[in-house]
Amino acid sequence: MDAEPERRLDVTDRTLSSVSVSESERLKFAKQILMGLALLCTFAMAAYACYPENPALAQMFELVKIGAFPLVTLVISFYFTNGARK
């Protein structure tokens, strides 16, 4: 079998453009993240409430309780501050 020759990619001649994100786009992105997390948490809690004996749902509920709620509060405190700066 013939070995395929090694290919090299030269990226030195490529230009990189910077990306700017406006405040309204950041806020929209934060709202989308929070909505997704809210739907996931609601589904996990409702499923666990309907079938508490299911071990997979119990673990999913614990993950939401321990992992998702602190993440949500972190996102809320970062993106939705009261605007008071020192």
PDB file of N, CA and C in Angstrom:
ATOM      1  N   MET A   1       0.837  -1.175   0.000  1.00  0.00           N
ATOM      2  CA  MET A   1       0.000   0.000   0.000  1.00  0.00           C
ATOM      3  C   MET A   1       0.883   1.240   0.000  1.00  0.00           C
ATOM      4  N   ASP A   2       0.453   2.224  -0.761  1.00  0.00           N
ATOM      5  CA  ASP A   2       1.183   3.486  -0.777  1.00  0.00           C
ATOM      6  C   ASP A   2       0.675   4.364   0.354  1.00  0.00           C
ATOM      7  N   ALA A   3       1.617   4.898   1.098  1.00  0.00           N
ATOM      8  CA  ALA A   3       1.252   5.803   2.174  1.00  0.00           C
ATOM      9  C   ALA A   3       0.894   7.158   1.573  1.00  0.00           C
ATOM     10  N   GLU A   4      -0.185   7.737   2.085  1.00  0.00           N
ATOM     11  CA  GLU A   4      -0.599   9.041   1.580  1.00  0.00           C
ATOM     12  C   GLU A   4       0.369  10.098   2.099  1.00  0.00           C
ATOM     13  N   PRO A   5       0.814  11.011   1.256  1.00  0.00           N
ATOM     14  CA  PRO A   5       1.773  12.015   1.720  1.00  0.00           C
ATOM     15  C   PRO A   5       1.137  12.942   2.748  1.00  0.00           C
ATOM     16  N   GLU A   6       1.954  13.413   3.646  1.00  0.00           N
ATOM     17  CA  GLU A   6       1.487  14.298   4.712  1.00  0.00           C
ATOM     18  C   GLU A   6       1.111  15.642   4.109  1.00  0.00           C
ATOM     19  N   ARG A   7      -0.033  16.125   4.486  1.00  0.00           N
ATOM     20  CA  ARG A   7      -0.502  17.417   3.983  1.00  0.00           C
ATOM     21  C   ARG A   7      -0.310  18.460   5.070  1.00  0.00           C
ATOM     22  N   ARG A   8       0.156  19.600   4.669  1.00  0.00           N
ATOM     23  CA  ARG A   8       0.347  20.702   5.602  1.00  0.00           C
ATOM     24  C   ARG A   8      -0.564  21.857   5.186  1.00  0.00           C
ATOM     25  N   LEU A   9      -1.074  22.543   6.154  1.00  0.00           N
ATOM     26  CA  LEU A   9      -1.960  23.667   5.914  1.00  0.00           C
ATOM     27  C   LEU A   9      -1.255  24.924   6.379  1.00  0.00           C
ATOM     28  N   ASP A  10      -1.091  25.860   5.492  1.00  0.00           N
ATOM     29  CA  ASP A  10      -0.430  27.112   5.824  1.00  0.00           C
ATOM     30  C   ASP A  10      -1.505  28.149   6.127  1.00  0.00           C
ATOM     31  N   VAL A  11      -1.562  28.600   7.366  1.00  0.00           N
ATOM     32  CA  VAL A  11      -2.560  29.586   7.762  1.00  0.00           C
ATOM     33  C   VAL A  11      -1.941  30.955   8.000  1.00  0.00           C
ATOM     34  N   THR A  12      -0.690  31.118   7.675  1.00  0.00           N
ATOM     35  CA  THR A  12      -0.039  32.395   7.926  1.00  0.00           C
ATOM     36  C   THR A  12      -0.525  33.490   6.987  1.00  0.00           C
ATOM     37  N   ASP A  13      -1.013  33.140   5.817  1.00  0.00           N
ATOM     38  CA  ASP A  13      -1.456  34.163   4.874  1.00  0.00           C
ATOM     39  C   ASP A  13      -2.929  34.523   5.039  1.00  0.00           C
ATOM     40  N   ARG A  14      -3.604  33.906   5.945  1.00  0.00           N
ATOM     41  CA  ARG A  14      -5.024  34.184   6.167  1.00  0.00           C
ATOM     42  C   ARG A  14      -5.173  35.338   7.155  1.00  0.00           C
ATOM     43  N   THR A  15      -6.173  36.157   6.952  1.00  0.00           N
ATOM     44  CA  THR A  15      -6.436  37.266   7.865  1.00  0.00           C
ATOM     45  C   THR A  15      -7.587  36.884   8.777  1.00  0.00           C
ATOM     46  N   LEU A  16      -7.449  37.236  10.017  1.00  0.00           N
ATOM     47  CA  LEU A  16      -8.492  36.966  10.998  1.00  0.00           C
ATOM     48  C   LEU A  16      -9.234  38.263  11.282  1.00  0.00           C
ATOM     49  N   SER A  17     -10.526  38.226  11.218  1.00  0.00           N
ATOM     50  CA  SER A  17     -11.316  39.412  11.511  1.00  0.00           C
ATOM     51  C   SER A  17     -11.856  39.311  12.925  1.00  0.00           C
ATOM     52  N   SER A  18     -11.950  40.430  13.577  1.00  0.00           N
ATOM     53  CA  SER A  18     -12.481  40.433  14.936  1.00  0.00           C
ATOM     54  C   SER A  18     -14.001  40.469  14.881  1.00  0.00           C
ATOM     55  N   VAL A  19     -14.604  39.905  15.882  1.00  0.00           N
ATOM     56  CA  VAL A  19     -16.058  39.845  15.959  1.00  0.00           C
ATOM     57  C   VAL A  19     -16.495  40.701  17.133  1.00  0.00           C
ATOM     58  N   SER A  20     -17.426  41.581  16.875  1.00  0.00           N
ATOM     59  CA  SER A  20     -17.954  42.402  17.957  1.00  0.00           C
ATOM     60  C   SER A  20     -19.407  42.009  18.210  1.00  0.00           C
ATOM     61  N   VAL A  21     -19.759  41.968  19.467  1.00  0.00           N
ATOM     62  CA  VAL A  21     -21.104  41.581  19.872  1.00  0.00           C
ATOM     63  C   VAL A  21     -21.687  42.732  20.671  1.00  0.00           C
ATOM     64  N   SER A  22     -22.842  43.199  20.255  1.00  0.00           N
ATOM     65  CA  SER A  22     -23.471  44.317  20.950  1.00  0.00           C
ATOM     66  C   SER A  22     -24.096  43.851  22.261  1.00  0.00           C
ATOM     67  N   GLU A  23     -24.429  44.826  23.085  1.00  0.00           N
ATOM     68  CA  GLU A  23     -25.044  44.511  24.377  1.00  0.00           C
ATOM     69  C   GLU A  23     -26.414  43.864  24.207  1.00  0.00           C
ATOM     70  N   SER A  24     -27.164  44.297  23.219  1.00  0.00           N
ATOM     71  CA  SER A  24     -28.496  43.709  23.013  1.00  0.00           C
ATOM     72  C   SER A  24     -28.385  42.252  22.555  1.00  0.00           C
ATOM     73  N   GLU A  25     -27.354  41.943  21.754  1.00  0.00           N
ATOM     74  CA  GLU A  25     -27.148  40.554  21.337  1.00  0.00           C
ATOM     75  C   GLU A  25     -26.716  39.692  22.513  1.00  0.00           C
ATOM     76  N   ARG A  26     -25.875  40.213  23.391  1.00  0.00           N
ATOM     77  CA  ARG A  26     -25.465  39.472  24.595  1.00  0.00           C
ATOM     78  C   ARG A  26     -26.667  39.200  25.485  1.00  0.00           C
ATOM     79  N   LEU A  27     -27.527  40.207  25.639  1.00  0.00           N
ATOM     80  CA  LEU A  27     -28.710  40.045  26.465  1.00  0.00           C
ATOM     81  C   LEU A  27     -29.662  39.018  25.868  1.00  0.00           C
ATOM     82  N   LYS A  28     -29.827  39.038  24.565  1.00  0.00           N
ATOM     83  CA  LYS A  28     -30.679  38.053  23.890  1.00  0.00           C
ATOM     84  C   LYS A  28     -30.120  36.643  24.069  1.00  0.00           C
ATOM     85  N   PHE A  29     -28.799  36.506  23.946  1.00  0.00           N
ATOM     86  CA  PHE A  29     -28.157  35.208  24.134  1.00  0.00           C
ATOM     87  C   PHE A  29     -28.346  34.706  25.564  1.00  0.00           C
ATOM     88  N   ALA A  30     -28.205  35.596  26.539  1.00  0.00           N
ATOM     89  CA  ALA A  30     -28.411  35.206  27.942  1.00  0.00           C
ATOM     90  C   ALA A  30     -29.850  34.762  28.179  1.00  0.00           C
ATOM     91  N   LYS A  31     -30.794  35.457  27.586  1.00  0.00           N
ATOM     92  CA  LYS A  31     -32.201  35.068  27.738  1.00  0.00           C
ATOM     93  C   LYS A  31     -32.464  33.699  27.123  1.00  0.00           C
ATOM     94  N   GLN A  32     -31.832  33.425  25.984  1.00  0.00           N
ATOM     95  CA  GLN A  32     -32.003  32.121  25.340  1.00  0.00           C
ATOM     96  C   GLN A  32     -31.411  31.004  26.193  1.00  0.00           C
ATOM     97  N   ILE A  33     -30.255  31.251  26.792  1.00  0.00           N
ATOM     98  CA  ILE A  33     -29.636  30.256  27.678  1.00  0.00           C
ATOM     99  C   ILE A  33     -30.536  29.989  28.866  1.00  0.00           C
ATOM    100  N   LEU A  34     -31.043  31.049  29.476  1.00  0.00           N
ATOM    101  CA  LEU A  34     -31.908  30.886  30.639  1.00  0.00           C
ATOM    102  C   LEU A  34     -33.212  30.175  30.289  1.00  0.00           C
ATOM    103  N   MET A  35     -33.747  30.443  29.122  1.00  0.00           N
ATOM    104  CA  MET A  35     -34.982  29.760  28.706  1.00  0.00           C
ATOM    105  C   MET A  35     -34.734  28.274  28.500  1.00  0.00           C
ATOM    106  N   GLY A  36     -33.622  27.930  27.878  1.00  0.00           N
ATOM    107  CA  GLY A  36     -33.280  26.519  27.690  1.00  0.00           C
ATOM    108  C   GLY A  36     -33.074  25.803  29.012  1.00  0.00           C
ATOM    109  N   LEU A  37     -32.348  26.446  29.925  1.00  0.00           N
ATOM    110  CA  LEU A  37     -32.143  25.847  31.245  1.00  0.00           C
ATOM    111  C   LEU A  37     -33.458  25.723  32.007  1.00  0.00           C
ATOM    112  N   ALA A  38     -34.342  26.712  31.868  1.00  0.00           N
ATOM    113  CA  ALA A  38     -35.636  26.656  32.547  1.00  0.00           C
ATOM    114  C   ALA A  38     -36.474  25.489  32.021  1.00  0.00           C
ATOM    115  N   LEU A  39     -36.452  25.287  30.715  1.00  0.00           N
ATOM    116  CA  LEU A  39     -37.203  24.161  30.153  1.00  0.00           C
ATOM    117  C   LEU A  39     -36.627  22.825  30.612  1.00  0.00           C
ATOM    118  N   LEU A  40     -35.314  22.723  30.631  1.00  0.00           N
ATOM    119  CA  LEU A  40     -34.669  21.492  31.087  1.00  0.00           C
ATOM    120  C   LEU A  40     -34.986  21.212  32.555  1.00  0.00           C
ATOM    121  N   CYS A  41     -34.894  22.225  33.384  1.00  0.00           N
ATOM    122  CA  CYS A  41     -35.188  22.047  34.814  1.00  0.00           C
ATOM    123  C   CYS A  41     -36.650  21.693  35.043  1.00  0.00           C
ATOM    124  N   THR A  42     -37.540  22.355  34.324  1.00  0.00           N
ATOM    125  CA  THR A  42     -38.970  22.070  34.467  1.00  0.00           C
ATOM    126  C   THR A  42     -39.283  20.641  34.056  1.00  0.00           C
ATOM    127  N   PHE A  43     -38.697  20.199  32.939  1.00  0.00           N
ATOM    128  CA  PHE A  43     -38.910  18.828  32.496  1.00  0.00           C
ATOM    129  C   PHE A  43     -38.394  17.840  33.539  1.00  0.00           C
ATOM    130  N   ALA A  44     -37.204  18.071  34.071  1.00  0.00           N
ATOM    131  CA  ALA A  44     -36.620  17.142  35.043  1.00  0.00           C
ATOM    132  C   ALA A  44     -37.462  17.076  36.317  1.00  0.00           C
ATOM    133  N   MET A  45     -37.916  18.221  36.795  1.00  0.00           N
ATOM    134  CA  MET A  45     -38.715  18.221  38.028  1.00  0.00           C
ATOM    135  C   MET A  45     -40.088  17.589  37.810  1.00  0.00           C
ATOM    136  N   ALA A  46     -40.714  17.865  36.673  1.00  0.00           N
ATOM    137  CA  ALA A  46     -42.031  17.279  36.396  1.00  0.00           C
ATOM    138  C   ALA A  46     -41.928  15.771  36.210  1.00  0.00           C
ATOM    139  N   ALA A  47     -40.897  15.320  35.520  1.00  0.00           N
ATOM    140  CA  ALA A  47     -40.724  13.886  35.312  1.00  0.00           C
ATOM    141  C   ALA A  47     -40.453  13.177  36.637  1.00  0.00           C
ATOM    142  N   TYR A  48     -39.646  13.786  37.481  1.00  0.00           N
ATOM    143  CA  TYR A  48     -39.352  13.182  38.788  1.00  0.00           C
ATOM    144  C   TYR A  48     -40.603  13.172  39.671  1.00  0.00           C
ATOM    145  N   ALA A  49     -41.428  14.219  39.544  1.00  0.00           N
ATOM    146  CA  ALA A  49     -42.665  14.257  40.339  1.00  0.00           C
ATOM    147  C   ALA A  49     -43.635  13.160  39.908  1.00  0.00           C
ATOM    148  N   CYS A  50     -43.648  12.841  38.617  1.00  0.00           N
ATOM    149  CA  CYS A  50     -44.551  11.795  38.126  1.00  0.00           C
ATOM    150  C   CYS A  50     -44.032  10.390  38.414  1.00  0.00           C
ATOM    151  N   TYR A  51     -42.715  10.194  38.340  1.00  0.00           N
ATOM    152  CA  TYR A  51     -42.108   8.875  38.523  1.00  0.00           C
ATOM    153  C   TYR A  51     -40.931   8.954  39.502  1.00  0.00           C
ATOM    154  N   PRO A  52     -41.203   9.136  40.799  1.00  0.00           N
ATOM    155  CA  PRO A  52     -40.100   9.292  41.762  1.00  0.00           C
ATOM    156  C   PRO A  52     -39.289   8.016  41.988  1.00  0.00           C
ATOM    157  N   GLU A  53     -39.814   6.863  41.617  1.00  0.00           N
ATOM    158  CA  GLU A  53     -39.088   5.611  41.836  1.00  0.00           C
ATOM    159  C   GLU A  53     -38.068   5.324  40.732  1.00  0.00           C
ATOM    160  N   ASN A  54     -38.089   6.083  39.653  1.00  0.00           N
ATOM    161  CA  ASN A  54     -37.159   5.895  38.544  1.00  0.00           C
ATOM    162  C   ASN A  54     -35.779   6.446  38.936  1.00  0.00           C
ATOM    163  N   PRO A  55     -34.738   5.592  38.983  1.00  0.00           N
ATOM    164  CA  PRO A  55     -33.420   6.072  39.425  1.00  0.00           C
ATOM    165  C   PRO A  55     -32.776   7.067  38.456  1.00  0.00           C
ATOM    166  N   ALA A  56     -33.037   6.942  37.165  1.00  0.00           N
ATOM    167  CA  ALA A  56     -32.467   7.888  36.200  1.00  0.00           C
ATOM    168  C   ALA A  56     -33.054   9.284  36.397  1.00  0.00           C
ATOM    169  N   LEU A  57     -34.353   9.341  36.635  1.00  0.00           N
ATOM    170  CA  LEU A  57     -34.978  10.640  36.882  1.00  0.00           C
ATOM    171  C   LEU A  57     -34.551  11.223  38.216  1.00  0.00           C
ATOM    172  N   ALA A  58     -34.316  10.366  39.193  1.00  0.00           N
ATOM    173  CA  ALA A  58     -33.827  10.856  40.483  1.00  0.00           C
ATOM    174  C   ALA A  58     -32.444  11.472  40.340  1.00  0.00           C
ATOM    175  N   GLN A  59     -31.574  10.845  39.549  1.00  0.00           N
ATOM    176  CA  GLN A  59     -30.242  11.406  39.327  1.00  0.00           C
ATOM    177  C   GLN A  59     -30.318  12.693  38.506  1.00  0.00           C
ATOM    178  N   MET A  60     -31.226  12.740  37.538  1.00  0.00           N
ATOM    179  CA  MET A  60     -31.396  13.948  36.742  1.00  0.00           C
ATOM    180  C   MET A  60     -31.908  15.098  37.606  1.00  0.00           C
ATOM    181  N   PHE A  61     -32.812  14.792  38.527  1.00  0.00           N
ATOM    182  CA  PHE A  61     -33.321  15.810  39.441  1.00  0.00           C
ATOM    183  C   PHE A  61     -32.205  16.323  40.348  1.00  0.00           C
ATOM    184  N   GLU A  62     -31.360  15.433  40.833  1.00  0.00           N
ATOM    185  CA  GLU A  62     -30.231  15.862  41.668  1.00  0.00           C
ATOM    186  C   GLU A  62     -29.255  16.728  40.883  1.00  0.00           C
ATOM    187  N   LEU A  63     -29.015  16.377  39.621  1.00  0.00           N
ATOM    188  CA  LEU A  63     -28.134  17.177  38.781  1.00  0.00           C
ATOM    189  C   LEU A  63     -28.696  18.580  38.585  1.00  0.00           C
ATOM    190  N   VAL A  64     -29.981  18.671  38.347  1.00  0.00           N
ATOM    191  CA  VAL A  64     -30.621  19.979  38.184  1.00  0.00           C
ATOM    192  C   VAL A  64     -30.532  20.756  39.489  1.00  0.00           C
ATOM    193  N   LYS A  65     -30.821  20.084  40.593  1.00  0.00           N
ATOM    194  CA  LYS A  65     -30.833  20.756  41.889  1.00  0.00           C
ATOM    195  C   LYS A  65     -29.449  21.247  42.285  1.00  0.00           C
ATOM    196  N   ILE A  66     -28.431  20.452  42.026  1.00  0.00           N
ATOM    197  CA  ILE A  66     -27.077  20.802  42.456  1.00  0.00           C
ATOM    198  C   ILE A  66     -26.326  21.604  41.389  1.00  0.00           C
ATOM    199  N   GLY A  67     -26.561  21.332  40.105  1.00  0.00           N
ATOM    200  CA  GLY A  67     -25.769  21.955  39.063  1.00  0.00           C
ATOM    201  C   GLY A  67     -26.430  23.084  38.313  1.00  0.00           C
ATOM    202  N   ALA A  68     -27.688  22.922  37.945  1.00  0.00           N
ATOM    203  CA  ALA A  68     -28.325  23.907  37.070  1.00  0.00           C
ATOM    204  C   ALA A  68     -28.756  25.165  37.808  1.00  0.00           C
ATOM    205  N   PHE A  69     -29.290  25.039  38.996  1.00  0.00           N
ATOM    206  CA  PHE A  69     -29.752  26.223  39.706  1.00  0.00           C
ATOM    207  C   PHE A  69     -28.608  27.184  40.044  1.00  0.00           C
ATOM    208  N   PRO A  70     -27.462  26.708  40.503  1.00  0.00           N
ATOM    209  CA  PRO A  70     -26.346  27.654  40.681  1.00  0.00           C
ATOM    210  C   PRO A  70     -25.884  28.288  39.373  1.00  0.00           C
ATOM    211  N   LEU A  71     -25.933  27.546  38.280  1.00  0.00           N
ATOM    212  CA  LEU A  71     -25.558  28.095  36.984  1.00  0.00           C
ATOM    213  C   LEU A  71     -26.533  29.186  36.560  1.00  0.00           C
ATOM    214  N   VAL A  72     -27.800  28.973  36.785  1.00  0.00           N
ATOM    215  CA  VAL A  72     -28.808  29.971  36.439  1.00  0.00           C
ATOM    216  C   VAL A  72     -28.601  31.239  37.254  1.00  0.00           C
ATOM    217  N   THR A  73     -28.357  31.109  38.526  1.00  0.00           N
ATOM    218  CA  THR A  73     -28.136  32.296  39.355  1.00  0.00           C
ATOM    219  C   THR A  73     -26.861  33.023  38.949  1.00  0.00           C
ATOM    220  N   LEU A  74     -25.847  32.293  38.517  1.00  0.00           N
ATOM    221  CA  LEU A  74     -24.624  32.926  38.039  1.00  0.00           C
ATOM    222  C   LEU A  74     -24.886  33.723  36.770  1.00  0.00           C
ATOM    223  N   VAL A  75     -25.625  33.159  35.830  1.00  0.00           N
ATOM    224  CA  VAL A  75     -25.936  33.865  34.589  1.00  0.00           C
ATOM    225  C   VAL A  75     -26.798  35.086  34.879  1.00  0.00           C
ATOM    226  N   ILE A  76     -27.763  34.935  35.730  1.00  0.00           N
ATOM    227  CA  ILE A  76     -28.631  36.064  36.072  1.00  0.00           C
ATOM    228  C   ILE A  76     -27.834  37.177  36.725  1.00  0.00           C
ATOM    229  N   SER A  77     -26.977  36.844  37.662  1.00  0.00           N
ATOM    230  CA  SER A  77     -26.211  37.886  38.344  1.00  0.00           C
ATOM    231  C   SER A  77     -25.194  38.543  37.419  1.00  0.00           C
ATOM    232  N   PHE A  78     -24.703  37.837  36.413  1.00  0.00           N
ATOM    233  CA  PHE A  78     -23.734  38.423  35.490  1.00  0.00           C
ATOM    234  C   PHE A  78     -24.401  39.324  34.457  1.00  0.00           C
ATOM    235  N   TYR A  79     -25.485  38.866  33.854  1.00  0.00           N
ATOM    236  CA  TYR A  79     -26.102  39.609  32.768  1.00  0.00           C
ATOM    237  C   TYR A  79     -27.161  40.605  33.211  1.00  0.00           C
ATOM    238  N   PHE A  80     -27.818  40.342  34.299  1.00  0.00           N
ATOM    239  CA  PHE A  80     -28.922  41.188  34.719  1.00  0.00           C
ATOM    240  C   PHE A  80     -28.598  41.891  36.023  1.00  0.00           C
ATOM    241  N   THR A  81     -27.542  42.665  36.032  1.00  0.00           N
ATOM    242  CA  THR A  81     -27.188  43.435  37.231  1.00  0.00           C
ATOM    243  C   THR A  81     -28.081  44.659  37.301  1.00  0.00           C
ATOM    244  N   ASN A  82     -28.047  45.318  38.446  1.00  0.00           N
ATOM    245  CA  ASN A  82     -28.893  46.495  38.617  1.00  0.00           C
ATOM    246  C   ASN A  82     -28.300  47.750  37.993  1.00  0.00           C
ATOM    247  N   GLY A  83     -27.080  47.657  37.466  1.00  0.00           N
ATOM    248  CA  GLY A  83     -26.470  48.773  36.777  1.00  0.00           C
ATOM    249  C   GLY A  83     -25.657  49.692  37.667  1.00  0.00           C
ATOM    250  N   ALA A  84     -25.672  49.487  38.975  1.00  0.00           N
ATOM    251  CA  ALA A  84     -24.891  50.312  39.882  1.00  0.00           C
ATOM    252  C   ALA A  84     -23.423  49.903  39.824  1.00  0.00           C
ATOM    253  N   ARG A  85     -22.583  50.851  39.452  1.00  0.00           N
ATOM    254  CA  ARG A  85     -21.156  50.569  39.372  1.00  0.00           C
ATOM    255  C   ARG A  85     -20.428  51.427  40.370  1.00  0.00           C
ATOM    256  N   LYS A  86     -19.384  50.859  40.919  1.00  0.00           N
ATOM    257  CA  LYS A  86     -18.627  51.614  41.930  1.00  0.00           C
ATOM    258  C   LYS A  86     -17.562  52.456  41.288  1.00  0.00           C
TER     259      LYS A  86
END
